[in-house]
PDB file of all heavy atoms in Angstrom:
ATOM      1  N   GLN A   1      -2.362   7.963  -0.052  1.00  0.00           N
ATOM      2  CA  GLN A   1      -2.902   6.671   0.103  1.00  0.00           C
ATOM      3  C   GLN A   1      -1.920   5.608   0.617  1.00  0.00           C
ATOM      4  O   GLN A   1      -2.237   4.789   1.527  1.00  0.00           O
ATOM      5  CB  GLN A   1      -3.493   6.160  -1.254  1.00  0.00           C
ATOM      6  CG  GLN A   1      -4.704   6.976  -1.733  1.00  0.00           C
ATOM      7  CD  GLN A   1      -5.172   6.607  -3.106  1.00  0.00           C
ATOM      8  OE1 GLN A   1      -4.346   6.310  -3.972  1.00  0.00           O
ATOM      9  NE2 GLN A   1      -6.468   6.708  -3.426  1.00  0.00           N
ATOM     10  N   LEU A   2      -0.630   5.782   0.186  1.00  0.00           N
ATOM     11  CA  LEU A   2       0.430   4.873   0.650  1.00  0.00           C
ATOM     12  C   LEU A   2       0.744   5.199   2.124  1.00  0.00           C
ATOM     13  O   LEU A   2       0.954   4.348   2.970  1.00  0.00           O
ATOM     14  CB  LEU A   2       1.703   4.974  -0.098  1.00  0.00           C
ATOM     15  CG  LEU A   2       1.775   4.235  -1.490  1.00  0.00           C
ATOM     16  CD1 LEU A   2       3.042   4.523  -2.102  1.00  0.00           C
ATOM     17  CD2 LEU A   2       1.587   2.775  -1.281  1.00  0.00           C
ATOM     18  N   VAL A   3       0.610   6.473   2.510  1.00  0.00           N
ATOM     19  CA  VAL A   3       0.922   6.875   3.837  1.00  0.00           C
ATOM     20  C   VAL A   3      -0.179   6.250   4.790  1.00  0.00           C
ATOM     21  O   VAL A   3       0.107   5.667   5.853  1.00  0.00           O
ATOM     22  CB  VAL A   3       0.847   8.433   4.010  1.00  0.00           C
ATOM     23  CG1 VAL A   3       0.818   8.851   5.506  1.00  0.00           C
ATOM     24  CG2 VAL A   3       2.112   9.008   3.320  1.00  0.00           C
ATOM     25  N   GLU A   4      -1.471   6.323   4.339  1.00  0.00           N
ATOM     26  CA  GLU A   4      -2.527   5.714   5.153  1.00  0.00           C
ATOM     27  C   GLU A   4      -2.395   4.210   5.244  1.00  0.00           C
ATOM     28  O   GLU A   4      -2.639   3.625   6.350  1.00  0.00           O
ATOM     29  CB  GLU A   4      -3.931   6.118   4.573  1.00  0.00           C
ATOM     30  CG  GLU A   4      -4.267   7.586   4.710  1.00  0.00           C
ATOM     31  CD  GLU A   4      -5.605   7.840   4.137  1.00  0.00           C
ATOM     32  OE1 GLU A   4      -6.345   6.989   3.588  1.00  0.00           O
ATOM     33  OE2 GLU A   4      -6.133   9.018   4.301  1.00  0.00           O
ATOM     34  N   PHE A   5      -1.967   3.602   4.133  1.00  0.00           N
ATOM     35  CA  PHE A   5      -1.757   2.165   4.188  1.00  0.00           C
ATOM     36  C   PHE A   5      -0.622   1.757   5.144  1.00  0.00           C
ATOM     37  O   PHE A   5      -0.775   0.825   5.979  1.00  0.00           O
ATOM     38  CB  PHE A   5      -1.421   1.697   2.778  1.00  0.00           C
ATOM     39  CG  PHE A   5      -1.107   0.252   2.655  1.00  0.00           C
ATOM     40  CD1 PHE A   5      -2.197  -0.723   2.448  1.00  0.00           C
ATOM     41  CD2 PHE A   5       0.170  -0.294   2.679  1.00  0.00           C
ATOM     42  CE1 PHE A   5      -1.974  -2.031   2.391  1.00  0.00           C
ATOM     43  CE2 PHE A   5       0.407  -1.624   2.565  1.00  0.00           C
ATOM     44  CZ  PHE A   5      -0.601  -2.511   2.445  1.00  0.00           C
ATOM     45  N   ALA A   6       0.497   2.562   5.117  1.00  0.00           N
ATOM     46  CA  ALA A   6       1.567   2.233   6.020  1.00  0.00           C
ATOM     47  C   ALA A   6       1.206   2.500   7.506  1.00  0.00           C
ATOM     48  O   ALA A   6       1.579   1.689   8.383  1.00  0.00           O
ATOM     49  CB  ALA A   6       2.720   3.149   5.686  1.00  0.00           C
ATOM     50  N   ALA A   7       0.296   3.408   7.735  1.00  0.00           N
ATOM     51  CA  ALA A   7      -0.176   3.654   9.073  1.00  0.00           C
ATOM     52  C   ALA A   7      -1.281   2.743   9.517  1.00  0.00           C
ATOM     53  O   ALA A   7      -1.669   2.745  10.695  1.00  0.00           O
ATOM     54  CB  ALA A   7      -0.667   5.121   9.171  1.00  0.00           C
ATOM     55  N   GLY A   8      -1.811   1.938   8.630  1.00  0.00           N
ATOM     56  CA  GLY A   8      -2.870   1.006   8.885  1.00  0.00           C
ATOM     57  C   GLY A   8      -4.273   1.664   9.159  1.00  0.00           C
ATOM     58  O   GLY A   8      -5.092   1.139   9.875  1.00  0.00           O
ATOM     59  N   THR A   9      -4.494   2.818   8.528  1.00  0.00           N
ATOM     60  CA  THR A   9      -5.688   3.636   8.803  1.00  0.00           C
ATOM     61  C   THR A   9      -6.663   3.580   7.621  1.00  0.00           C
ATOM     62  O   THR A   9      -7.780   4.213   7.740  1.00  0.00           O
ATOM     63  CB  THR A   9      -5.362   5.052   9.149  1.00  0.00           C
ATOM     64  OG1 THR A   9      -4.573   5.655   8.062  1.00  0.00           O
ATOM     65  CG2 THR A   9      -4.533   5.180  10.454  1.00  0.00           C
ATOM     66  N   CYS A  10      -6.326   3.030   6.523  1.00  0.00           N
ATOM     67  CA  CYS A  10      -7.311   2.969   5.388  1.00  0.00           C
ATOM     68  C   CYS A  10      -8.349   1.850   5.559  1.00  0.00           C
ATOM     69  O   CYS A  10      -8.019   0.898   6.234  1.00  0.00           O
ATOM     70  CB  CYS A  10      -6.507   2.873   4.032  1.00  0.00           C
ATOM     71  SG  CYS A  10      -5.384   1.478   3.877  1.00  0.00           S
ATOM     72  N   HIS A  11      -9.383   1.964   4.877  1.00  0.00           N
ATOM     73  CA  HIS A  11     -10.516   0.985   4.912  1.00  0.00           C
ATOM     74  C   HIS A  11     -10.096  -0.230   4.225  1.00  0.00           C
ATOM     75  O   HIS A  11      -9.054  -0.294   3.482  1.00  0.00           O
ATOM     76  CB  HIS A  11     -11.834   1.533   4.375  1.00  0.00           C
ATOM     77  CG  HIS A  11     -11.734   2.008   2.951  1.00  0.00           C
ATOM     78  ND1 HIS A  11     -11.735   1.171   1.883  1.00  0.00           N
ATOM     79  CD2 HIS A  11     -11.697   3.329   2.426  1.00  0.00           C
ATOM     80  CE1 HIS A  11     -11.652   1.853   0.731  1.00  0.00           C
ATOM     81  NE2 HIS A  11     -11.685   3.148   1.025  1.00  0.00           N
ATOM     82  N   THR A  12     -10.775  -1.372   4.504  1.00  0.00           N
ATOM     83  CA  THR A  12     -10.383  -2.636   3.971  1.00  0.00           C
ATOM     84  C   THR A  12     -10.268  -2.675   2.470  1.00  0.00           C
ATOM     85  O   THR A  12      -9.308  -3.277   1.857  1.00  0.00           O
ATOM     86  CB  THR A  12     -11.335  -3.692   4.449  1.00  0.00           C
ATOM     87  OG1 THR A  12     -11.370  -3.772   5.930  1.00  0.00           O
ATOM     88  CG2 THR A  12     -10.997  -5.148   3.941  1.00  0.00           C
ATOM     89  N   GLY A  13     -11.212  -2.115   1.840  1.00  0.00           N
ATOM     90  CA  GLY A  13     -11.181  -2.099   0.320  1.00  0.00           C
ATOM     91  C   GLY A  13      -9.921  -1.490  -0.260  1.00  0.00           C
ATOM     92  O   GLY A  13      -9.257  -2.027  -1.076  1.00  0.00           O
ATOM     93  N   MET A  14      -9.551  -0.340   0.285  1.00  0.00           N
ATOM     94  CA  MET A  14      -8.376   0.371  -0.074  1.00  0.00           C
ATOM     95  C   MET A  14      -7.174  -0.497   0.256  1.00  0.00           C
ATOM     96  O   MET A  14      -6.220  -0.581  -0.528  1.00  0.00           O
ATOM     97  CB  MET A  14      -8.302   1.735   0.596  1.00  0.00           C
ATOM     98  CG  MET A  14      -7.013   2.491   0.154  1.00  0.00           C
ATOM     99  SD  MET A  14      -6.942   3.030  -1.515  1.00  0.00           S
ATOM    100  CE  MET A  14      -8.072   4.372  -1.498  1.00  0.00           C
ATOM    101  N   SER A  15      -7.169  -1.079   1.451  1.00  0.00           N
ATOM    102  CA  SER A  15      -5.967  -1.909   1.888  1.00  0.00           C
ATOM    103  C   SER A  15      -5.811  -3.032   0.888  1.00  0.00           C
ATOM    104  O   SER A  15      -4.719  -3.440   0.534  1.00  0.00           O
ATOM    105  CB  SER A  15      -6.259  -2.394   3.338  1.00  0.00           C
ATOM    106  OG  SER A  15      -5.254  -3.211   3.766  1.00  0.00           O
ATOM    107  N   VAL A  16      -6.861  -3.733   0.608  1.00  0.00           N
ATOM    108  CA  VAL A  16      -6.772  -4.883  -0.369  1.00  0.00           C
ATOM    109  C   VAL A  16      -6.214  -4.408  -1.753  1.00  0.00           C
ATOM    110  O   VAL A  16      -5.413  -5.068  -2.335  1.00  0.00           O
ATOM    111  CB  VAL A  16      -8.179  -5.565  -0.550  1.00  0.00           C
ATOM    112  CG1 VAL A  16      -8.055  -6.594  -1.690  1.00  0.00           C
ATOM    113  CG2 VAL A  16      -8.570  -6.294   0.753  1.00  0.00           C
ATOM    114  N   ALA A  17      -6.797  -3.267  -2.246  1.00  0.00           N
ATOM    115  CA  ALA A  17      -6.361  -2.810  -3.524  1.00  0.00           C
ATOM    116  C   ALA A  17      -4.828  -2.467  -3.586  1.00  0.00           C
ATOM    117  O   ALA A  17      -4.158  -2.755  -4.497  1.00  0.00           O
ATOM    118  CB  ALA A  17      -7.180  -1.564  -3.977  1.00  0.00           C
ATOM    119  N   ILE A  18      -4.432  -1.774  -2.534  1.00  0.00           N
ATOM    120  CA  ILE A  18      -3.022  -1.326  -2.506  1.00  0.00           C
ATOM    121  C   ILE A  18      -2.094  -2.612  -2.301  1.00  0.00           C
ATOM    122  O   ILE A  18      -1.061  -2.728  -2.943  1.00  0.00           O
ATOM    123  CB  ILE A  18      -2.830  -0.314  -1.369  1.00  0.00           C
ATOM    124  CG1 ILE A  18      -3.491   1.009  -1.691  1.00  0.00           C
ATOM    125  CG2 ILE A  18      -1.271  -0.093  -1.178  1.00  0.00           C
ATOM    126  CD1 ILE A  18      -3.324   2.071  -0.666  1.00  0.00           C
ATOM    127  N   SER A  19      -2.609  -3.549  -1.490  1.00  0.00           N
ATOM    128  CA  SER A  19      -1.818  -4.747  -1.226  1.00  0.00           C
ATOM    129  C   SER A  19      -1.611  -5.500  -2.606  1.00  0.00           C
ATOM    130  O   SER A  19      -0.528  -6.053  -2.904  1.00  0.00           O
ATOM    131  CB  SER A  19      -2.483  -5.650  -0.280  1.00  0.00           C
ATOM    132  OG  SER A  19      -2.456  -5.059   1.029  1.00  0.00           O
ATOM    133  N   VAL A  20      -2.688  -5.623  -3.365  1.00  0.00           N
ATOM    134  CA  VAL A  20      -2.572  -6.259  -4.647  1.00  0.00           C
ATOM    135  C   VAL A  20      -1.653  -5.614  -5.538  1.00  0.00           C
ATOM    136  O   VAL A  20      -0.794  -6.139  -6.273  1.00  0.00           O
ATOM    137  CB  VAL A  20      -3.969  -6.427  -5.296  1.00  0.00           C
ATOM    138  CG1 VAL A  20      -3.981  -6.899  -6.735  1.00  0.00           C
ATOM    139  CG2 VAL A  20      -4.861  -7.398  -4.410  1.00  0.00           C
ATOM    140  N   HIS A  21      -1.714  -4.139  -5.640  1.00  0.00           N
ATOM    141  CA  HIS A  21      -0.904  -3.448  -6.465  1.00  0.00           C
ATOM    142  C   HIS A  21       0.593  -3.655  -6.052  1.00  0.00           C
ATOM    143  O   HIS A  21       1.535  -3.714  -6.964  1.00  0.00           O
ATOM    144  CB  HIS A  21      -1.264  -1.934  -6.320  1.00  0.00           C
ATOM    145  CG  HIS A  21      -0.267  -0.993  -7.055  1.00  0.00           C
ATOM    146  ND1 HIS A  21      -0.185  -0.888  -8.433  1.00  0.00           N
ATOM    147  CD2 HIS A  21       0.691  -0.210  -6.502  1.00  0.00           C
ATOM    148  CE1 HIS A  21       0.827   0.035  -8.690  1.00  0.00           C
ATOM    149  NE2 HIS A  21       1.306   0.418  -7.590  1.00  0.00           N
ATOM    150  N   LEU A  22       0.928  -3.651  -4.769  1.00  0.00           N
ATOM    151  CA  LEU A  22       2.263  -3.772  -4.335  1.00  0.00           C
ATOM    152  C   LEU A  22       2.878  -5.172  -4.763  1.00  0.00           C
ATOM    153  O   LEU A  22       4.046  -5.187  -4.994  1.00  0.00           O
ATOM    154  CB  LEU A  22       2.280  -3.758  -2.719  1.00  0.00           C
ATOM    155  CG  LEU A  22       1.976  -2.414  -2.123  1.00  0.00           C
ATOM    156  CD1 LEU A  22       1.864  -2.557  -0.603  1.00  0.00           C
ATOM    157  CD2 LEU A  22       3.144  -1.408  -2.479  1.00  0.00           C
ATOM    158  N   HIS A  23       2.026  -6.088  -4.931  1.00  0.00           N
ATOM    159  CA  HIS A  23       2.505  -7.457  -5.487  1.00  0.00           C
ATOM    160  C   HIS A  23       3.141  -7.276  -6.808  1.00  0.00           C
ATOM    161  O   HIS A  23       4.131  -7.994  -7.175  1.00  0.00           O
ATOM    162  CB  HIS A  23       1.320  -8.421  -5.546  1.00  0.00           C
ATOM    163  CG  HIS A  23       1.659  -9.669  -6.192  1.00  0.00           C
ATOM    164  ND1 HIS A  23       2.223 -10.727  -5.429  1.00  0.00           N
ATOM    165  CD2 HIS A  23       1.502 -10.163  -7.462  1.00  0.00           C
ATOM    166  CE1 HIS A  23       2.402 -11.824  -6.263  1.00  0.00           C
ATOM    167  NE2 HIS A  23       2.008 -11.478  -7.468  1.00  0.00           N
ATOM    168  N   TYR A  24       2.615  -6.347  -7.615  1.00  0.00           N
ATOM    169  CA  TYR A  24       3.222  -6.138  -8.955  1.00  0.00           C
ATOM    170  C   TYR A  24       4.253  -5.036  -9.033  1.00  0.00           C
ATOM    171  O   TYR A  24       4.897  -4.979 -10.099  1.00  0.00           O
ATOM    172  CB  TYR A  24       1.976  -5.807  -9.944  1.00  0.00           C
ATOM    173  CG  TYR A  24       0.990  -6.892 -10.083  1.00  0.00           C
ATOM    174  CD1 TYR A  24      -0.217  -6.898  -9.252  1.00  0.00           C
ATOM    175  CD2 TYR A  24       1.013  -7.788 -11.076  1.00  0.00           C
ATOM    176  CE1 TYR A  24      -1.213  -7.802  -9.394  1.00  0.00           C
ATOM    177  CE2 TYR A  24       0.045  -8.854 -11.224  1.00  0.00           C
ATOM    178  CZ  TYR A  24      -1.030  -8.798 -10.424  1.00  0.00           C
ATOM    179  OH  TYR A  24      -2.085  -9.742 -10.526  1.00  0.00           O
ATOM    180  N   CYS A  25       4.325  -4.071  -8.145  1.00  0.00           N
ATOM    181  CA  CYS A  25       4.975  -2.850  -8.337  1.00  0.00           C
ATOM    182  C   CYS A  25       6.231  -2.699  -7.373  1.00  0.00           C
ATOM    183  O   CYS A  25       6.026  -2.289  -6.224  1.00  0.00           O
ATOM    184  CB  CYS A  25       4.024  -1.708  -8.128  1.00  0.00           C
ATOM    185  SG  CYS A  25       4.798  -0.087  -8.417  1.00  0.00           S
ATOM    186  N   PRO A  26       7.480  -2.919  -7.812  1.00  0.00           N
ATOM    187  CA  PRO A  26       8.610  -2.714  -6.989  1.00  0.00           C
ATOM    188  C   PRO A  26       8.777  -1.302  -6.584  1.00  0.00           C
ATOM    189  O   PRO A  26       9.360  -0.996  -5.474  1.00  0.00           O
ATOM    190  CB  PRO A  26       9.727  -3.240  -7.835  1.00  0.00           C
ATOM    191  CG  PRO A  26       9.222  -3.251  -9.228  1.00  0.00           C
ATOM    192  CD  PRO A  26       7.826  -3.436  -9.173  1.00  0.00           C
ATOM    193  N   GLN A  27       8.352  -0.379  -7.434  1.00  0.00           N
ATOM    194  CA  GLN A  27       8.517   1.060  -7.127  1.00  0.00           C
ATOM    195  C   GLN A  27       7.724   1.454  -5.831  1.00  0.00           C
ATOM    196  O   GLN A  27       8.222   2.136  -4.986  1.00  0.00           O
ATOM    197  CB  GLN A  27       8.025   1.912  -8.289  1.00  0.00           C
ATOM    198  CG  GLN A  27       8.090   3.415  -8.117  1.00  0.00           C
ATOM    199  CD  GLN A  27       7.618   4.140  -9.317  1.00  0.00           C
ATOM    200  OE1 GLN A  27       7.719   3.712 -10.408  1.00  0.00           O
ATOM    201  NE2 GLN A  27       7.082   5.409  -9.055  1.00  0.00           N
ATOM    202  N   CYS A  28       6.506   0.994  -5.830  1.00  0.00           N
ATOM    203  CA  CYS A  28       5.648   1.290  -4.598  1.00  0.00           C
ATOM    204  C   CYS A  28       6.108   0.507  -3.379  1.00  0.00           C
ATOM    205  O   CYS A  28       5.936   0.958  -2.346  1.00  0.00           O
ATOM    206  CB  CYS A  28       4.108   1.158  -4.918  1.00  0.00           C
ATOM    207  SG  CYS A  28       3.444   2.395  -5.999  1.00  0.00           S
ATOM    208  N   ARG A  29       6.662  -0.661  -3.611  1.00  0.00           N
ATOM    209  CA  ARG A  29       7.143  -1.401  -2.428  1.00  0.00           C
ATOM    210  C   ARG A  29       8.313  -0.712  -1.845  1.00  0.00           C
ATOM    211  O   ARG A  29       8.422  -0.684  -0.631  1.00  0.00           O
ATOM    212  CB  ARG A  29       7.565  -2.843  -2.842  1.00  0.00           C
ATOM    213  CG  ARG A  29       6.369  -3.770  -3.249  1.00  0.00           C
ATOM    214  CD  ARG A  29       6.782  -5.248  -3.159  1.00  0.00           C
ATOM    215  NE  ARG A  29       7.932  -5.633  -4.137  1.00  0.00           N
ATOM    216  CZ  ARG A  29       7.646  -5.944  -5.373  1.00  0.00           C
ATOM    217  NH1 ARG A  29       6.441  -6.063  -5.884  1.00  0.00           N
ATOM    218  NH2 ARG A  29       8.681  -6.197  -6.211  1.00  0.00           N
ATOM    219  N   ALA A  30       9.157  -0.074  -2.690  1.00  0.00           N
ATOM    220  CA  ALA A  30      10.256   0.612  -2.148  1.00  0.00           C
ATOM    221  C   ALA A  30       9.818   1.855  -1.405  1.00  0.00           C
ATOM    222  O   ALA A  30      10.371   2.219  -0.351  1.00  0.00           O
ATOM    223  CB  ALA A  30      11.213   1.029  -3.327  1.00  0.00           C
ATOM    224  N   ALA A  31       8.804   2.602  -1.983  1.00  0.00           N
ATOM    225  CA  ALA A  31       8.267   3.770  -1.315  1.00  0.00           C
ATOM    226  C   ALA A  31       7.648   3.430   0.036  1.00  0.00           C
ATOM    227  O   ALA A  31       7.861   4.168   0.999  1.00  0.00           O
ATOM    228  CB  ALA A  31       7.229   4.470  -2.219  1.00  0.00           C
ATOM    229  N   LEU A  32       6.977   2.301   0.100  1.00  0.00           N
ATOM    230  CA  LEU A  32       6.349   1.849   1.343  1.00  0.00           C
ATOM    231  C   LEU A  32       7.461   1.480   2.384  1.00  0.00           C
ATOM    232  O   LEU A  32       7.300   1.861   3.606  1.00  0.00           O
ATOM    233  CB  LEU A  32       5.476   0.641   1.007  1.00  0.00           C
ATOM    234  CG  LEU A  32       4.772   0.105   2.304  1.00  0.00           C
ATOM    235  CD1 LEU A  32       3.729   1.108   2.908  1.00  0.00           C
ATOM    236  CD2 LEU A  32       4.043  -1.243   1.957  1.00  0.00           C
ATOM    237  N   SER A  33       8.521   0.874   1.978  1.00  0.00           N
ATOM    238  CA  SER A  33       9.583   0.543   2.834  1.00  0.00           C
ATOM    239  C   SER A  33      10.235   1.859   3.465  1.00  0.00           C
ATOM    240  O   SER A  33      10.529   1.819   4.657  1.00  0.00           O
ATOM    241  CB  SER A  33      10.659  -0.261   2.073  1.00  0.00           C
ATOM    242  OG  SER A  33      11.727  -0.566   2.949  1.00  0.00           O
ATOM    243  N   GLU A  34      10.343   2.858   2.623  1.00  0.00           N
ATOM    244  CA  GLU A  34      10.844   4.172   3.163  1.00  0.00           C
ATOM    245  C   GLU A  34       9.961   4.757   4.191  1.00  0.00           C
ATOM    246  O   GLU A  34      10.360   5.253   5.199  1.00  0.00           O
ATOM    247  CB  GLU A  34      11.065   5.146   1.993  1.00  0.00           C
ATOM    248  CG  GLU A  34      12.110   4.810   1.025  1.00  0.00           C
ATOM    249  CD  GLU A  34      13.531   5.107   1.780  1.00  0.00           C
ATOM    250  OE1 GLU A  34      13.584   5.958   2.595  1.00  0.00           O
ATOM    251  OE2 GLU A  34      14.528   4.505   1.307  1.00  0.00           O
TER     252      GLU A  34
END
């Protein structure tokens, strides 16, 4: 799901949900940066 988010290929609902989670989660922000 993070790979699809990074590629910009996930649907809007998933994109919003992951974006909100990233606000709270430094671990996933680091994974996304990688």
